[in-house]
Amino acid sequence: MSETLKVFVNQDSPRSAGEEAEINVKGTKRGELCAADFYTQMALEGRVYSVRAGTITTPLTGDVNITDAAAEMTADAQTGFTIIPVWCNIEVEVAGGTLPECALKSVGAISTAGTAFIPLPLYLGGAAAATTARVSAAGGCTVTAETVTTTRRHFSNLITAVGDAELCVWQPRVPPILVGPACFYVQVAATTTGCDYFAAFNYIELPTINVS
């Protein structure tokens, strides 16, 4: 006789098992199976980090035209770590010149200029990132020169006037998996004069041994 799948009802008093301990599969009082999606689970484990540009009422100023090897924001995965960019938002406050544009790209080498800092964990009070980030106005972060065969382009957009739309709202269905050494970077620019903007992106950090 086949056995009926059963779940452990645990709605009113959530449990917390120790590391490496076995625990019953959780279900609702109606019998539905409860499962955390991958992104939420990564955040609960303290593996999601955030990088931002611009503070309070002071935006960052972008480059004058997108320039090869120059970026405004980066996240770098050293050897032994893998990053998975999962979200980016860029909002232009002042157009500067004309045609504000952005591009999100990645390459298999870490950035080399711009002051490096430790990104903030989305798990408040969580462990510090092993990977690093950089933010610098007007293309002040240096990344490897773009080529067709080594640079991945994940998103790009251009707007003709502020108010048309946000410059970037990116939440990929299939995110890039960047095995270190690798760099995810953001370029923001406009013609004649760099645009003023606020931006942020989030990424998952994992030891490469847990990925491949």
N, C-alpha and C. Protein backbone atom coordinates (compact mmCIF):
# COMPACT_ATOMS: atom_id res chain seq x y z
N MET A 1 0.86 -1.19 0.00
CA MET A 1 0.00 0.00 0.00
C MET A 1 0.90 1.25 0.00
N SER A 2 0.60 2.19 -0.86
CA SER A 2 1.40 3.42 -0.94
C SER A 2 1.14 4.32 0.26
N GLU A 3 2.18 5.05 0.67
CA GLU A 3 2.04 5.96 1.80
C GLU A 3 1.60 7.32 1.31
N THR A 4 0.80 8.01 2.12
CA THR A 4 0.36 9.37 1.80
C THR A 4 1.41 10.37 2.26
N LEU A 5 1.75 11.30 1.40
CA LEU A 5 2.70 12.34 1.78
C LEU A 5 2.10 13.21 2.87
N LYS A 6 2.84 13.37 3.96
CA LYS A 6 2.36 14.19 5.06
C LYS A 6 3.36 15.30 5.35
N VAL A 7 2.84 16.45 5.79
CA VAL A 7 3.68 17.58 6.15
C VAL A 7 3.45 17.91 7.62
N PHE A 8 4.42 18.61 8.21
CA PHE A 8 4.32 19.01 9.61
C PHE A 8 3.72 20.41 9.67
N VAL A 9 2.55 20.54 10.32
CA VAL A 9 1.90 21.85 10.44
C VAL A 9 2.68 22.68 11.44
N ASN A 10 3.14 23.85 10.98
CA ASN A 10 4.01 24.68 11.82
C ASN A 10 3.77 26.14 11.50
N GLN A 11 2.53 26.56 11.68
CA GLN A 11 2.11 27.92 11.31
C GLN A 11 2.20 28.89 12.47
N ASP A 12 1.83 28.45 13.67
CA ASP A 12 1.74 29.36 14.81
C ASP A 12 3.04 29.51 15.58
N SER A 13 3.88 28.49 15.56
CA SER A 13 5.13 28.51 16.32
C SER A 13 6.28 28.04 15.43
N PRO A 14 6.87 28.94 14.64
CA PRO A 14 7.95 28.55 13.73
C PRO A 14 9.11 27.89 14.46
N ARG A 15 9.68 26.86 13.83
CA ARG A 15 10.81 26.14 14.42
C ARG A 15 12.13 26.66 13.89
N SER A 16 13.19 26.29 14.58
CA SER A 16 14.54 26.59 14.12
C SER A 16 15.44 25.43 14.50
N ALA A 17 15.80 24.62 13.53
CA ALA A 17 16.66 23.46 13.78
C ALA A 17 18.12 23.86 13.68
N GLY A 18 18.99 23.10 14.32
CA GLY A 18 20.41 23.36 14.24
C GLY A 18 20.99 22.95 12.91
N GLU A 19 22.20 23.44 12.62
CA GLU A 19 22.89 23.10 11.39
C GLU A 19 23.10 21.59 11.31
N GLU A 20 22.88 21.01 10.13
CA GLU A 20 23.04 19.58 9.85
C GLU A 20 21.97 18.71 10.52
N ALA A 21 20.97 19.33 11.17
CA ALA A 21 19.93 18.55 11.84
C ALA A 21 18.79 18.24 10.88
N GLU A 22 18.13 17.10 11.06
CA GLU A 22 16.96 16.77 10.26
C GLU A 22 15.74 17.46 10.86
N ILE A 23 14.79 17.82 9.98
CA ILE A 23 13.58 18.49 10.42
C ILE A 23 12.44 18.12 9.48
N ASN A 24 11.23 18.09 9.99
CA ASN A 24 10.09 17.75 9.16
C ASN A 24 9.82 18.81 8.10
N VAL A 25 9.28 18.38 6.97
CA VAL A 25 8.86 19.32 5.94
C VAL A 25 7.66 20.11 6.45
N LYS A 26 7.69 21.43 6.25
CA LYS A 26 6.64 22.29 6.78
C LYS A 26 5.44 22.35 5.85
N GLY A 27 4.24 22.42 6.44
CA GLY A 27 3.01 22.56 5.65
C GLY A 27 2.03 23.49 6.35
N THR A 28 1.00 23.89 5.64
CA THR A 28 -0.03 24.73 6.22
C THR A 28 -1.08 23.86 6.92
N LYS A 29 -2.01 24.50 7.60
CA LYS A 29 -3.09 23.77 8.27
C LYS A 29 -4.04 23.12 7.28
N ARG A 30 -3.95 23.52 6.01
CA ARG A 30 -4.76 22.89 4.96
C ARG A 30 -4.02 21.77 4.26
N GLY A 31 -2.72 21.64 4.57
CA GLY A 31 -1.95 20.56 4.00
C GLY A 31 -1.07 20.93 2.82
N GLU A 32 -1.04 22.24 2.43
CA GLU A 32 -0.14 22.63 1.34
C GLU A 32 1.31 22.64 1.82
N LEU A 33 2.19 22.27 0.94
CA LEU A 33 3.62 22.28 1.24
C LEU A 33 4.15 23.71 1.22
N CYS A 34 4.94 24.10 2.21
CA CYS A 34 5.55 25.43 2.27
C CYS A 34 6.98 25.34 1.77
N ALA A 35 7.35 26.23 0.85
CA ALA A 35 8.71 26.24 0.32
C ALA A 35 9.14 27.67 0.06
N ALA A 36 10.35 28.02 0.50
CA ALA A 36 10.88 29.36 0.26
C ALA A 36 11.48 29.42 -1.14
N ASP A 37 11.23 30.51 -1.88
CA ASP A 37 11.86 30.65 -3.18
C ASP A 37 13.36 30.88 -3.00
N PHE A 38 14.10 30.66 -4.05
CA PHE A 38 15.56 30.71 -3.98
C PHE A 38 16.06 32.06 -3.48
N TYR A 39 15.51 33.17 -4.02
CA TYR A 39 16.00 34.49 -3.66
C TYR A 39 15.73 34.81 -2.19
N THR A 40 14.54 34.46 -1.71
CA THR A 40 14.23 34.69 -0.30
C THR A 40 15.15 33.86 0.59
N GLN A 41 15.40 32.61 0.20
CA GLN A 41 16.28 31.76 0.98
C GLN A 41 17.69 32.31 1.03
N MET A 42 18.18 32.83 -0.09
CA MET A 42 19.51 33.43 -0.09
C MET A 42 19.58 34.63 0.85
N ALA A 43 18.52 35.45 0.88
CA ALA A 43 18.48 36.59 1.79
C ALA A 43 18.44 36.14 3.24
N LEU A 44 17.65 35.08 3.53
CA LEU A 44 17.57 34.56 4.89
C LEU A 44 18.91 34.00 5.36
N GLU A 45 19.70 33.49 4.43
CA GLU A 45 21.01 32.96 4.78
C GLU A 45 22.08 34.05 4.84
N GLY A 46 21.69 35.30 4.55
CA GLY A 46 22.64 36.41 4.60
C GLY A 46 23.60 36.42 3.43
N ARG A 47 23.14 35.99 2.25
CA ARG A 47 24.01 35.89 1.08
C ARG A 47 23.71 36.94 0.01
N VAL A 48 22.81 37.90 0.29
CA VAL A 48 22.46 38.92 -0.69
C VAL A 48 23.00 40.27 -0.22
N TYR A 49 23.66 40.97 -1.13
CA TYR A 49 24.31 42.24 -0.80
C TYR A 49 23.87 43.35 -1.74
N SER A 50 23.96 44.58 -1.25
CA SER A 50 23.45 45.73 -2.00
C SER A 50 24.54 46.78 -2.19
N VAL A 51 24.54 47.38 -3.38
CA VAL A 51 25.46 48.47 -3.72
C VAL A 51 24.62 49.65 -4.17
N ARG A 52 24.91 50.85 -3.67
CA ARG A 52 24.09 52.01 -4.01
C ARG A 52 24.95 53.17 -4.46
N ALA A 53 24.34 54.06 -5.24
CA ALA A 53 25.00 55.29 -5.68
C ALA A 53 24.06 56.46 -5.43
N GLY A 54 24.56 57.50 -4.80
CA GLY A 54 23.74 58.65 -4.44
C GLY A 54 23.22 58.52 -3.02
N THR A 55 23.17 59.63 -2.30
CA THR A 55 22.70 59.62 -0.92
C THR A 55 21.70 60.74 -0.67
N ILE A 56 20.62 60.43 -0.01
CA ILE A 56 19.56 61.37 0.39
C ILE A 56 19.17 62.26 -0.78
N THR A 57 19.63 63.53 -0.79
CA THR A 57 19.28 64.43 -1.90
C THR A 57 20.47 64.70 -2.81
N THR A 58 21.54 63.96 -2.64
CA THR A 58 22.73 64.18 -3.45
C THR A 58 22.93 63.03 -4.42
N PRO A 59 22.58 63.21 -5.70
CA PRO A 59 22.74 62.14 -6.68
C PRO A 59 24.20 62.00 -7.11
N LEU A 60 24.50 60.94 -7.84
CA LEU A 60 25.80 60.76 -8.46
C LEU A 60 25.71 61.28 -9.89
N THR A 61 26.81 61.81 -10.41
CA THR A 61 26.83 62.32 -11.78
C THR A 61 27.50 61.31 -12.70
N GLY A 62 26.82 60.97 -13.78
CA GLY A 62 27.33 59.98 -14.71
C GLY A 62 28.38 60.52 -15.66
N ASP A 63 28.84 59.66 -16.53
CA ASP A 63 29.88 59.98 -17.50
C ASP A 63 29.30 60.78 -18.67
N VAL A 64 30.17 61.33 -19.48
CA VAL A 64 29.75 61.97 -20.73
C VAL A 64 29.94 60.94 -21.83
N ASN A 65 28.83 60.35 -22.22
CA ASN A 65 28.77 59.19 -23.11
C ASN A 65 29.37 57.97 -22.41
N ILE A 66 28.78 56.83 -22.68
CA ILE A 66 29.34 55.59 -22.15
C ILE A 66 30.71 55.37 -22.80
N THR A 67 31.70 55.13 -21.94
CA THR A 67 33.09 55.06 -22.38
C THR A 67 33.66 53.68 -22.09
N ASP A 68 34.39 53.14 -23.03
CA ASP A 68 34.99 51.82 -22.85
C ASP A 68 35.90 51.81 -21.63
N ALA A 69 35.81 50.75 -20.84
CA ALA A 69 36.64 50.51 -19.66
C ALA A 69 36.31 51.43 -18.49
N ALA A 70 35.22 52.21 -18.57
CA ALA A 70 34.84 53.11 -17.50
C ALA A 70 33.43 52.78 -17.01
N ALA A 71 33.26 52.68 -15.69
CA ALA A 71 31.97 52.35 -15.10
C ALA A 71 31.72 53.22 -13.89
N GLU A 72 30.46 53.29 -13.47
CA GLU A 72 30.08 54.04 -12.28
C GLU A 72 29.98 53.15 -11.04
N MET A 73 29.60 51.89 -11.24
CA MET A 73 29.38 50.97 -10.12
C MET A 73 29.89 49.58 -10.51
N THR A 74 30.52 48.89 -9.57
CA THR A 74 30.98 47.53 -9.85
C THR A 74 30.78 46.65 -8.62
N ALA A 75 30.72 45.34 -8.87
CA ALA A 75 30.82 44.33 -7.83
C ALA A 75 31.82 43.30 -8.32
N ASP A 76 32.81 42.99 -7.50
CA ASP A 76 33.90 42.12 -7.91
C ASP A 76 33.90 40.82 -7.12
N ALA A 77 33.97 39.71 -7.83
CA ALA A 77 34.12 38.39 -7.21
C ALA A 77 35.54 37.91 -7.42
N GLN A 78 36.27 37.74 -6.32
CA GLN A 78 37.62 37.22 -6.41
C GLN A 78 37.57 35.71 -6.65
N THR A 79 38.69 35.13 -6.98
CA THR A 79 38.77 33.69 -7.17
C THR A 79 38.26 32.97 -5.92
N GLY A 80 37.42 31.98 -6.14
CA GLY A 80 36.84 31.24 -5.02
C GLY A 80 35.43 31.66 -4.67
N PHE A 81 34.95 32.76 -5.30
CA PHE A 81 33.59 33.24 -5.04
C PHE A 81 32.84 33.47 -6.36
N THR A 82 31.53 33.34 -6.28
CA THR A 82 30.66 33.56 -7.43
C THR A 82 29.59 34.56 -7.04
N ILE A 83 29.30 35.51 -7.92
CA ILE A 83 28.22 36.47 -7.67
C ILE A 83 27.13 36.30 -8.72
N ILE A 84 25.90 36.53 -8.28
CA ILE A 84 24.73 36.42 -9.15
C ILE A 84 23.94 37.72 -9.04
N PRO A 85 24.12 38.69 -9.94
CA PRO A 85 23.34 39.92 -9.90
C PRO A 85 21.86 39.61 -10.15
N VAL A 86 20.98 40.17 -9.32
CA VAL A 86 19.56 39.81 -9.42
C VAL A 86 18.62 41.00 -9.58
N TRP A 87 19.13 42.24 -9.36
CA TRP A 87 18.21 43.40 -9.44
C TRP A 87 19.03 44.67 -9.58
N CYS A 88 18.52 45.60 -10.37
CA CYS A 88 19.15 46.92 -10.49
C CYS A 88 18.08 47.96 -10.80
N ASN A 89 18.23 49.13 -10.19
CA ASN A 89 17.33 50.26 -10.45
C ASN A 89 18.16 51.52 -10.62
N ILE A 90 17.86 52.30 -11.65
CA ILE A 90 18.53 53.58 -11.87
C ILE A 90 17.45 54.62 -12.17
N GLU A 91 17.46 55.70 -11.41
CA GLU A 91 16.48 56.77 -11.59
C GLU A 91 17.20 58.08 -11.85
N VAL A 92 16.94 58.70 -13.00
CA VAL A 92 17.59 59.96 -13.36
C VAL A 92 16.83 61.12 -12.72
N GLU A 93 17.57 61.98 -12.04
CA GLU A 93 16.97 63.17 -11.43
C GLU A 93 17.14 64.40 -12.30
N VAL A 94 18.34 64.56 -12.86
CA VAL A 94 18.63 65.68 -13.77
C VAL A 94 19.28 65.10 -15.03
N ALA A 95 18.73 65.44 -16.18
CA ALA A 95 19.20 64.83 -17.42
C ALA A 95 20.62 65.21 -17.79
N GLY A 96 21.10 66.35 -17.26
CA GLY A 96 22.43 66.82 -17.65
C GLY A 96 22.38 67.31 -19.08
N GLY A 97 22.99 66.59 -20.00
CA GLY A 97 22.90 66.96 -21.42
C GLY A 97 21.62 66.39 -22.00
N THR A 98 21.76 65.47 -22.91
CA THR A 98 20.59 64.81 -23.50
C THR A 98 20.83 63.30 -23.54
N LEU A 99 19.77 62.58 -23.77
CA LEU A 99 19.82 61.14 -23.97
C LEU A 99 20.54 60.37 -22.85
N PRO A 100 20.02 60.45 -21.63
CA PRO A 100 20.59 59.60 -20.57
C PRO A 100 20.50 58.13 -20.96
N GLU A 101 21.55 57.38 -20.70
CA GLU A 101 21.57 55.97 -21.05
C GLU A 101 22.32 55.17 -19.99
N CYS A 102 22.06 53.86 -20.01
CA CYS A 102 22.74 52.98 -19.06
C CYS A 102 23.04 51.66 -19.74
N ALA A 103 23.98 50.92 -19.16
CA ALA A 103 24.29 49.57 -19.62
C ALA A 103 24.78 48.77 -18.42
N LEU A 104 24.32 47.52 -18.33
CA LEU A 104 24.75 46.59 -17.29
C LEU A 104 25.52 45.48 -17.98
N LYS A 105 26.75 45.24 -17.55
CA LYS A 105 27.62 44.30 -18.24
C LYS A 105 28.42 43.49 -17.22
N SER A 106 29.12 42.45 -17.70
CA SER A 106 30.01 41.69 -16.85
C SER A 106 31.18 41.18 -17.66
N VAL A 107 32.27 40.92 -16.95
CA VAL A 107 33.50 40.46 -17.60
C VAL A 107 34.28 39.61 -16.61
N GLY A 108 35.16 38.77 -17.13
CA GLY A 108 35.88 37.83 -16.28
C GLY A 108 37.17 38.38 -15.71
N ALA A 109 37.12 39.59 -15.17
CA ALA A 109 38.27 40.19 -14.49
C ALA A 109 37.74 41.26 -13.55
N ILE A 110 38.34 41.41 -12.38
CA ILE A 110 37.84 42.39 -11.42
C ILE A 110 38.23 43.80 -11.82
N SER A 111 37.49 44.80 -11.29
CA SER A 111 37.78 46.20 -11.57
C SER A 111 39.07 46.62 -10.87
N THR A 112 39.69 47.70 -11.36
CA THR A 112 41.01 48.08 -10.86
C THR A 112 41.13 49.51 -10.38
N ALA A 113 40.08 50.30 -10.43
CA ALA A 113 40.15 51.68 -9.96
C ALA A 113 38.82 52.09 -9.36
N GLY A 114 38.86 53.12 -8.53
CA GLY A 114 37.69 53.50 -7.76
C GLY A 114 37.84 52.90 -6.36
N THR A 115 37.47 53.64 -5.34
CA THR A 115 37.65 53.18 -3.97
C THR A 115 36.77 51.97 -3.67
N ALA A 116 37.40 50.87 -3.29
CA ALA A 116 36.65 49.65 -2.99
C ALA A 116 36.05 49.72 -1.58
N PHE A 117 34.87 49.12 -1.40
CA PHE A 117 34.23 49.06 -0.09
C PHE A 117 33.46 47.76 0.02
N ILE A 118 33.01 47.44 1.24
CA ILE A 118 32.27 46.22 1.48
C ILE A 118 30.78 46.49 1.34
N PRO A 119 30.07 45.81 0.46
CA PRO A 119 28.64 46.05 0.25
C PRO A 119 27.82 45.72 1.50
N LEU A 120 26.64 46.31 1.59
CA LEU A 120 25.74 46.08 2.72
C LEU A 120 24.96 44.79 2.54
N PRO A 121 24.86 43.95 3.58
CA PRO A 121 24.02 42.75 3.48
C PRO A 121 22.55 43.13 3.59
N LEU A 122 21.69 42.48 2.81
CA LEU A 122 20.25 42.72 2.94
C LEU A 122 19.71 42.09 4.21
N TYR A 123 20.43 41.13 4.77
CA TYR A 123 20.11 40.58 6.08
C TYR A 123 20.73 41.54 7.10
N LEU A 124 19.90 42.38 7.71
CA LEU A 124 20.40 43.42 8.61
C LEU A 124 21.18 42.79 9.76
N GLY A 125 22.43 43.17 9.92
CA GLY A 125 23.28 42.57 10.93
C GLY A 125 23.97 41.31 10.46
N GLY A 126 23.81 40.96 9.19
CA GLY A 126 24.41 39.75 8.65
C GLY A 126 25.91 39.88 8.45
N ALA A 127 26.53 38.79 8.06
CA ALA A 127 27.98 38.76 7.86
C ALA A 127 28.40 39.68 6.71
N ALA A 128 29.61 40.22 6.83
CA ALA A 128 30.14 41.09 5.78
C ALA A 128 30.41 40.27 4.52
N ALA A 129 30.32 40.93 3.38
CA ALA A 129 30.59 40.26 2.11
C ALA A 129 32.07 39.94 1.98
N ALA A 130 32.35 38.83 1.32
CA ALA A 130 33.73 38.50 0.96
C ALA A 130 34.12 39.22 -0.32
N THR A 131 33.12 39.53 -1.14
CA THR A 131 33.35 40.27 -2.38
C THR A 131 33.36 41.77 -2.08
N THR A 132 33.80 42.56 -3.04
CA THR A 132 33.89 44.00 -2.85
C THR A 132 33.14 44.74 -3.94
N ALA A 133 32.95 46.04 -3.73
CA ALA A 133 32.24 46.88 -4.70
C ALA A 133 32.97 48.21 -4.83
N ARG A 134 32.65 48.93 -5.89
CA ARG A 134 33.18 50.28 -6.10
C ARG A 134 32.07 51.15 -6.65
N VAL A 135 32.07 52.42 -6.27
CA VAL A 135 31.17 53.42 -6.83
C VAL A 135 31.97 54.69 -7.04
N SER A 136 31.90 55.25 -8.24
CA SER A 136 32.64 56.47 -8.53
C SER A 136 31.95 57.23 -9.66
N ALA A 137 31.84 58.54 -9.50
CA ALA A 137 31.15 59.37 -10.49
C ALA A 137 31.93 59.43 -11.81
N ALA A 138 31.18 59.74 -12.86
CA ALA A 138 31.76 60.04 -14.18
C ALA A 138 32.72 58.98 -14.69
N GLY A 139 32.34 57.72 -14.54
CA GLY A 139 33.16 56.65 -15.09
C GLY A 139 34.45 56.42 -14.34
N GLY A 140 34.47 56.73 -13.04
CA GLY A 140 35.70 56.64 -12.27
C GLY A 140 36.12 55.24 -11.87
N CYS A 141 35.29 54.23 -12.14
CA CYS A 141 35.69 52.84 -11.89
C CYS A 141 36.26 52.27 -13.19
N THR A 142 37.42 51.66 -13.10
CA THR A 142 38.06 51.11 -14.30
C THR A 142 37.78 49.61 -14.40
N VAL A 143 37.26 49.20 -15.55
CA VAL A 143 36.98 47.79 -15.81
C VAL A 143 37.71 47.37 -17.08
N THR A 144 37.79 46.07 -17.29
CA THR A 144 38.47 45.55 -18.47
C THR A 144 37.81 46.06 -19.75
N ALA A 145 38.60 46.38 -20.75
CA ALA A 145 38.09 46.88 -22.02
C ALA A 145 37.07 45.90 -22.62
N GLU A 146 36.02 46.46 -23.18
CA GLU A 146 34.94 45.64 -23.73
C GLU A 146 35.33 45.01 -25.06
N THR A 147 35.04 43.73 -25.19
CA THR A 147 35.19 43.04 -26.48
C THR A 147 33.97 42.16 -26.69
N VAL A 148 33.73 41.82 -27.92
CA VAL A 148 32.58 40.98 -28.27
C VAL A 148 32.70 39.61 -27.63
N THR A 149 33.90 39.10 -27.52
CA THR A 149 34.09 37.72 -27.08
C THR A 149 34.23 37.56 -25.57
N THR A 150 34.46 38.64 -24.83
CA THR A 150 34.67 38.49 -23.38
C THR A 150 33.71 39.27 -22.50
N THR A 151 32.99 40.23 -23.06
CA THR A 151 32.10 41.08 -22.26
C THR A 151 30.65 40.68 -22.50
N ARG A 152 29.94 40.42 -21.42
CA ARG A 152 28.51 40.09 -21.50
C ARG A 152 27.68 41.34 -21.27
N ARG A 153 26.69 41.54 -22.11
CA ARG A 153 25.80 42.71 -21.99
C ARG A 153 24.44 42.18 -21.52
N HIS A 154 24.00 42.64 -20.34
CA HIS A 154 22.80 42.10 -19.73
C HIS A 154 21.58 43.00 -19.91
N PHE A 155 21.80 44.31 -20.00
CA PHE A 155 20.67 45.25 -20.12
C PHE A 155 21.20 46.58 -20.60
N SER A 156 20.40 47.29 -21.38
CA SER A 156 20.73 48.67 -21.75
C SER A 156 19.45 49.43 -22.03
N ASN A 157 19.52 50.74 -21.85
CA ASN A 157 18.34 51.57 -22.11
C ASN A 157 18.78 53.01 -22.34
N LEU A 158 17.96 53.73 -23.07
CA LEU A 158 18.19 55.15 -23.35
C LEU A 158 16.84 55.84 -23.31
N ILE A 159 16.77 57.00 -22.66
CA ILE A 159 15.52 57.77 -22.63
C ILE A 159 15.76 59.14 -23.24
N THR A 160 14.74 59.67 -23.89
CA THR A 160 14.89 60.95 -24.58
C THR A 160 14.63 62.14 -23.68
N ALA A 161 13.97 61.92 -22.54
CA ALA A 161 13.72 63.01 -21.60
C ALA A 161 13.39 62.42 -20.24
N VAL A 162 13.82 63.09 -19.19
CA VAL A 162 13.47 62.63 -17.85
C VAL A 162 11.96 62.70 -17.70
N GLY A 163 11.37 61.68 -17.19
CA GLY A 163 9.92 61.60 -17.08
C GLY A 163 9.36 60.56 -18.03
N ASP A 164 10.15 60.18 -19.06
CA ASP A 164 9.70 59.11 -19.96
C ASP A 164 9.54 57.81 -19.18
N ALA A 165 10.56 57.49 -18.39
CA ALA A 165 10.57 56.23 -17.64
C ALA A 165 11.79 56.22 -16.76
N GLU A 166 11.81 55.30 -15.80
CA GLU A 166 13.05 55.07 -15.09
C GLU A 166 14.07 54.56 -16.09
N LEU A 167 15.32 54.93 -15.86
CA LEU A 167 16.36 54.54 -16.80
C LEU A 167 16.59 53.03 -16.77
N CYS A 168 16.44 52.44 -15.58
CA CYS A 168 16.68 51.00 -15.48
C CYS A 168 15.82 50.38 -14.40
N VAL A 169 15.07 49.35 -14.75
CA VAL A 169 14.42 48.46 -13.80
C VAL A 169 14.72 47.05 -14.29
N TRP A 170 15.71 46.41 -13.69
CA TRP A 170 16.23 45.13 -14.19
C TRP A 170 16.10 44.06 -13.12
N GLN A 171 15.37 43.03 -13.41
CA GLN A 171 15.22 41.88 -12.53
C GLN A 171 15.17 40.65 -13.44
N PRO A 172 16.32 40.09 -13.76
CA PRO A 172 16.40 39.10 -14.84
C PRO A 172 15.70 37.80 -14.51
N ARG A 173 15.04 37.24 -15.51
CA ARG A 173 14.45 35.91 -15.37
C ARG A 173 15.54 34.86 -15.23
N VAL A 174 16.60 35.02 -16.00
CA VAL A 174 17.76 34.14 -15.91
C VAL A 174 18.97 35.01 -15.59
N PRO A 175 19.38 35.10 -14.33
CA PRO A 175 20.47 36.00 -13.96
C PRO A 175 21.82 35.44 -14.39
N PRO A 176 22.79 36.31 -14.62
CA PRO A 176 24.14 35.83 -14.96
C PRO A 176 24.81 35.21 -13.74
N ILE A 177 25.57 34.14 -13.96
CA ILE A 177 26.32 33.48 -12.90
C ILE A 177 27.79 33.80 -13.14
N LEU A 178 28.36 34.66 -12.30
CA LEU A 178 29.70 35.19 -12.55
C LEU A 178 30.70 34.56 -11.60
N VAL A 179 31.41 33.57 -12.10
CA VAL A 179 32.40 32.83 -11.32
C VAL A 179 33.70 33.63 -11.28
N GLY A 180 34.19 33.91 -10.08
CA GLY A 180 35.37 34.73 -9.94
C GLY A 180 36.64 34.09 -10.47
N PRO A 181 37.57 34.92 -10.96
CA PRO A 181 37.50 36.38 -10.93
C PRO A 181 36.51 36.91 -11.96
N ALA A 182 35.65 37.82 -11.52
CA ALA A 182 34.63 38.38 -12.41
C ALA A 182 34.15 39.71 -11.87
N CYS A 183 33.59 40.52 -12.74
CA CYS A 183 33.09 41.84 -12.37
C CYS A 183 31.74 42.09 -13.03
N PHE A 184 30.76 42.50 -12.25
CA PHE A 184 29.50 43.03 -12.77
C PHE A 184 29.58 44.53 -12.67
N TYR A 185 29.25 45.25 -13.76
CA TYR A 185 29.38 46.70 -13.67
C TYR A 185 28.23 47.44 -14.35
N VAL A 186 28.05 48.68 -13.89
CA VAL A 186 26.97 49.55 -14.34
C VAL A 186 27.58 50.81 -14.95
N GLN A 187 27.15 51.16 -16.15
CA GLN A 187 27.57 52.40 -16.80
C GLN A 187 26.36 53.32 -16.95
N VAL A 188 26.53 54.58 -16.57
CA VAL A 188 25.46 55.58 -16.69
C VAL A 188 26.07 56.83 -17.32
N ALA A 189 25.42 57.38 -18.33
CA ALA A 189 26.00 58.53 -19.03
C ALA A 189 24.92 59.32 -19.75
N ALA A 190 25.32 60.46 -20.27
CA ALA A 190 24.47 61.27 -21.15
C ALA A 190 25.40 62.04 -22.08
N THR A 191 24.86 62.62 -23.11
CA THR A 191 25.68 63.40 -24.03
C THR A 191 25.94 64.79 -23.46
N THR A 192 27.07 65.37 -23.80
CA THR A 192 27.48 66.73 -23.43
C THR A 192 27.77 66.88 -21.94
N THR A 193 26.81 66.54 -21.09
CA THR A 193 26.96 66.65 -19.64
C THR A 193 26.39 65.39 -19.00
N GLY A 194 27.10 64.82 -18.04
CA GLY A 194 26.62 63.62 -17.37
C GLY A 194 25.33 63.86 -16.61
N CYS A 195 24.43 62.89 -16.63
CA CYS A 195 23.16 63.02 -15.91
C CYS A 195 23.38 62.74 -14.43
N ASP A 196 22.49 63.31 -13.59
CA ASP A 196 22.50 63.06 -12.15
C ASP A 196 21.49 61.97 -11.85
N TYR A 197 21.87 61.00 -11.03
CA TYR A 197 21.00 59.84 -10.83
C TYR A 197 21.21 59.20 -9.46
N PHE A 198 20.23 58.40 -9.07
CA PHE A 198 20.34 57.51 -7.92
C PHE A 198 20.24 56.09 -8.46
N ALA A 199 21.01 55.18 -7.87
CA ALA A 199 21.00 53.80 -8.38
C ALA A 199 21.32 52.82 -7.26
N ALA A 200 20.94 51.59 -7.48
CA ALA A 200 21.28 50.50 -6.57
C ALA A 200 21.20 49.18 -7.33
N PHE A 201 22.02 48.23 -6.92
CA PHE A 201 21.84 46.87 -7.42
C PHE A 201 22.13 45.88 -6.31
N ASN A 202 21.50 44.71 -6.41
CA ASN A 202 21.67 43.63 -5.44
C ASN A 202 22.27 42.41 -6.13
N TYR A 203 23.05 41.66 -5.37
CA TYR A 203 23.60 40.43 -5.91
C TYR A 203 23.76 39.38 -4.81
N ILE A 204 23.72 38.13 -5.23
CA ILE A 204 23.94 36.99 -4.34
C ILE A 204 25.43 36.63 -4.39
N GLU A 205 25.98 36.34 -3.23
CA GLU A 205 27.37 35.89 -3.16
C GLU A 205 27.42 34.46 -2.62
N LEU A 206 28.12 33.59 -3.31
CA LEU A 206 28.28 32.21 -2.89
C LEU A 206 29.73 31.76 -3.08
N PRO A 207 30.23 30.89 -2.20
CA PRO A 207 31.51 30.27 -2.50
C PRO A 207 31.36 29.44 -3.77
N THR A 208 32.31 29.54 -4.67
CA THR A 208 32.20 28.84 -5.94
C THR A 208 32.05 27.34 -5.76
N ILE A 209 32.63 26.79 -4.70
CA ILE A 209 32.52 25.37 -4.45
C ILE A 209 31.07 24.94 -4.24
N ASN A 210 30.20 25.89 -3.84
CA ASN A 210 28.78 25.58 -3.65
C ASN A 210 27.96 25.77 -4.93
N VAL A 211 28.62 26.19 -6.00
CA VAL A 211 27.93 26.46 -7.26
C VAL A 211 28.31 25.44 -8.32
N SER A 212 29.57 25.08 -8.38
CA SER A 212 30.03 24.17 -9.42
C SER A 212 31.01 23.15 -8.86
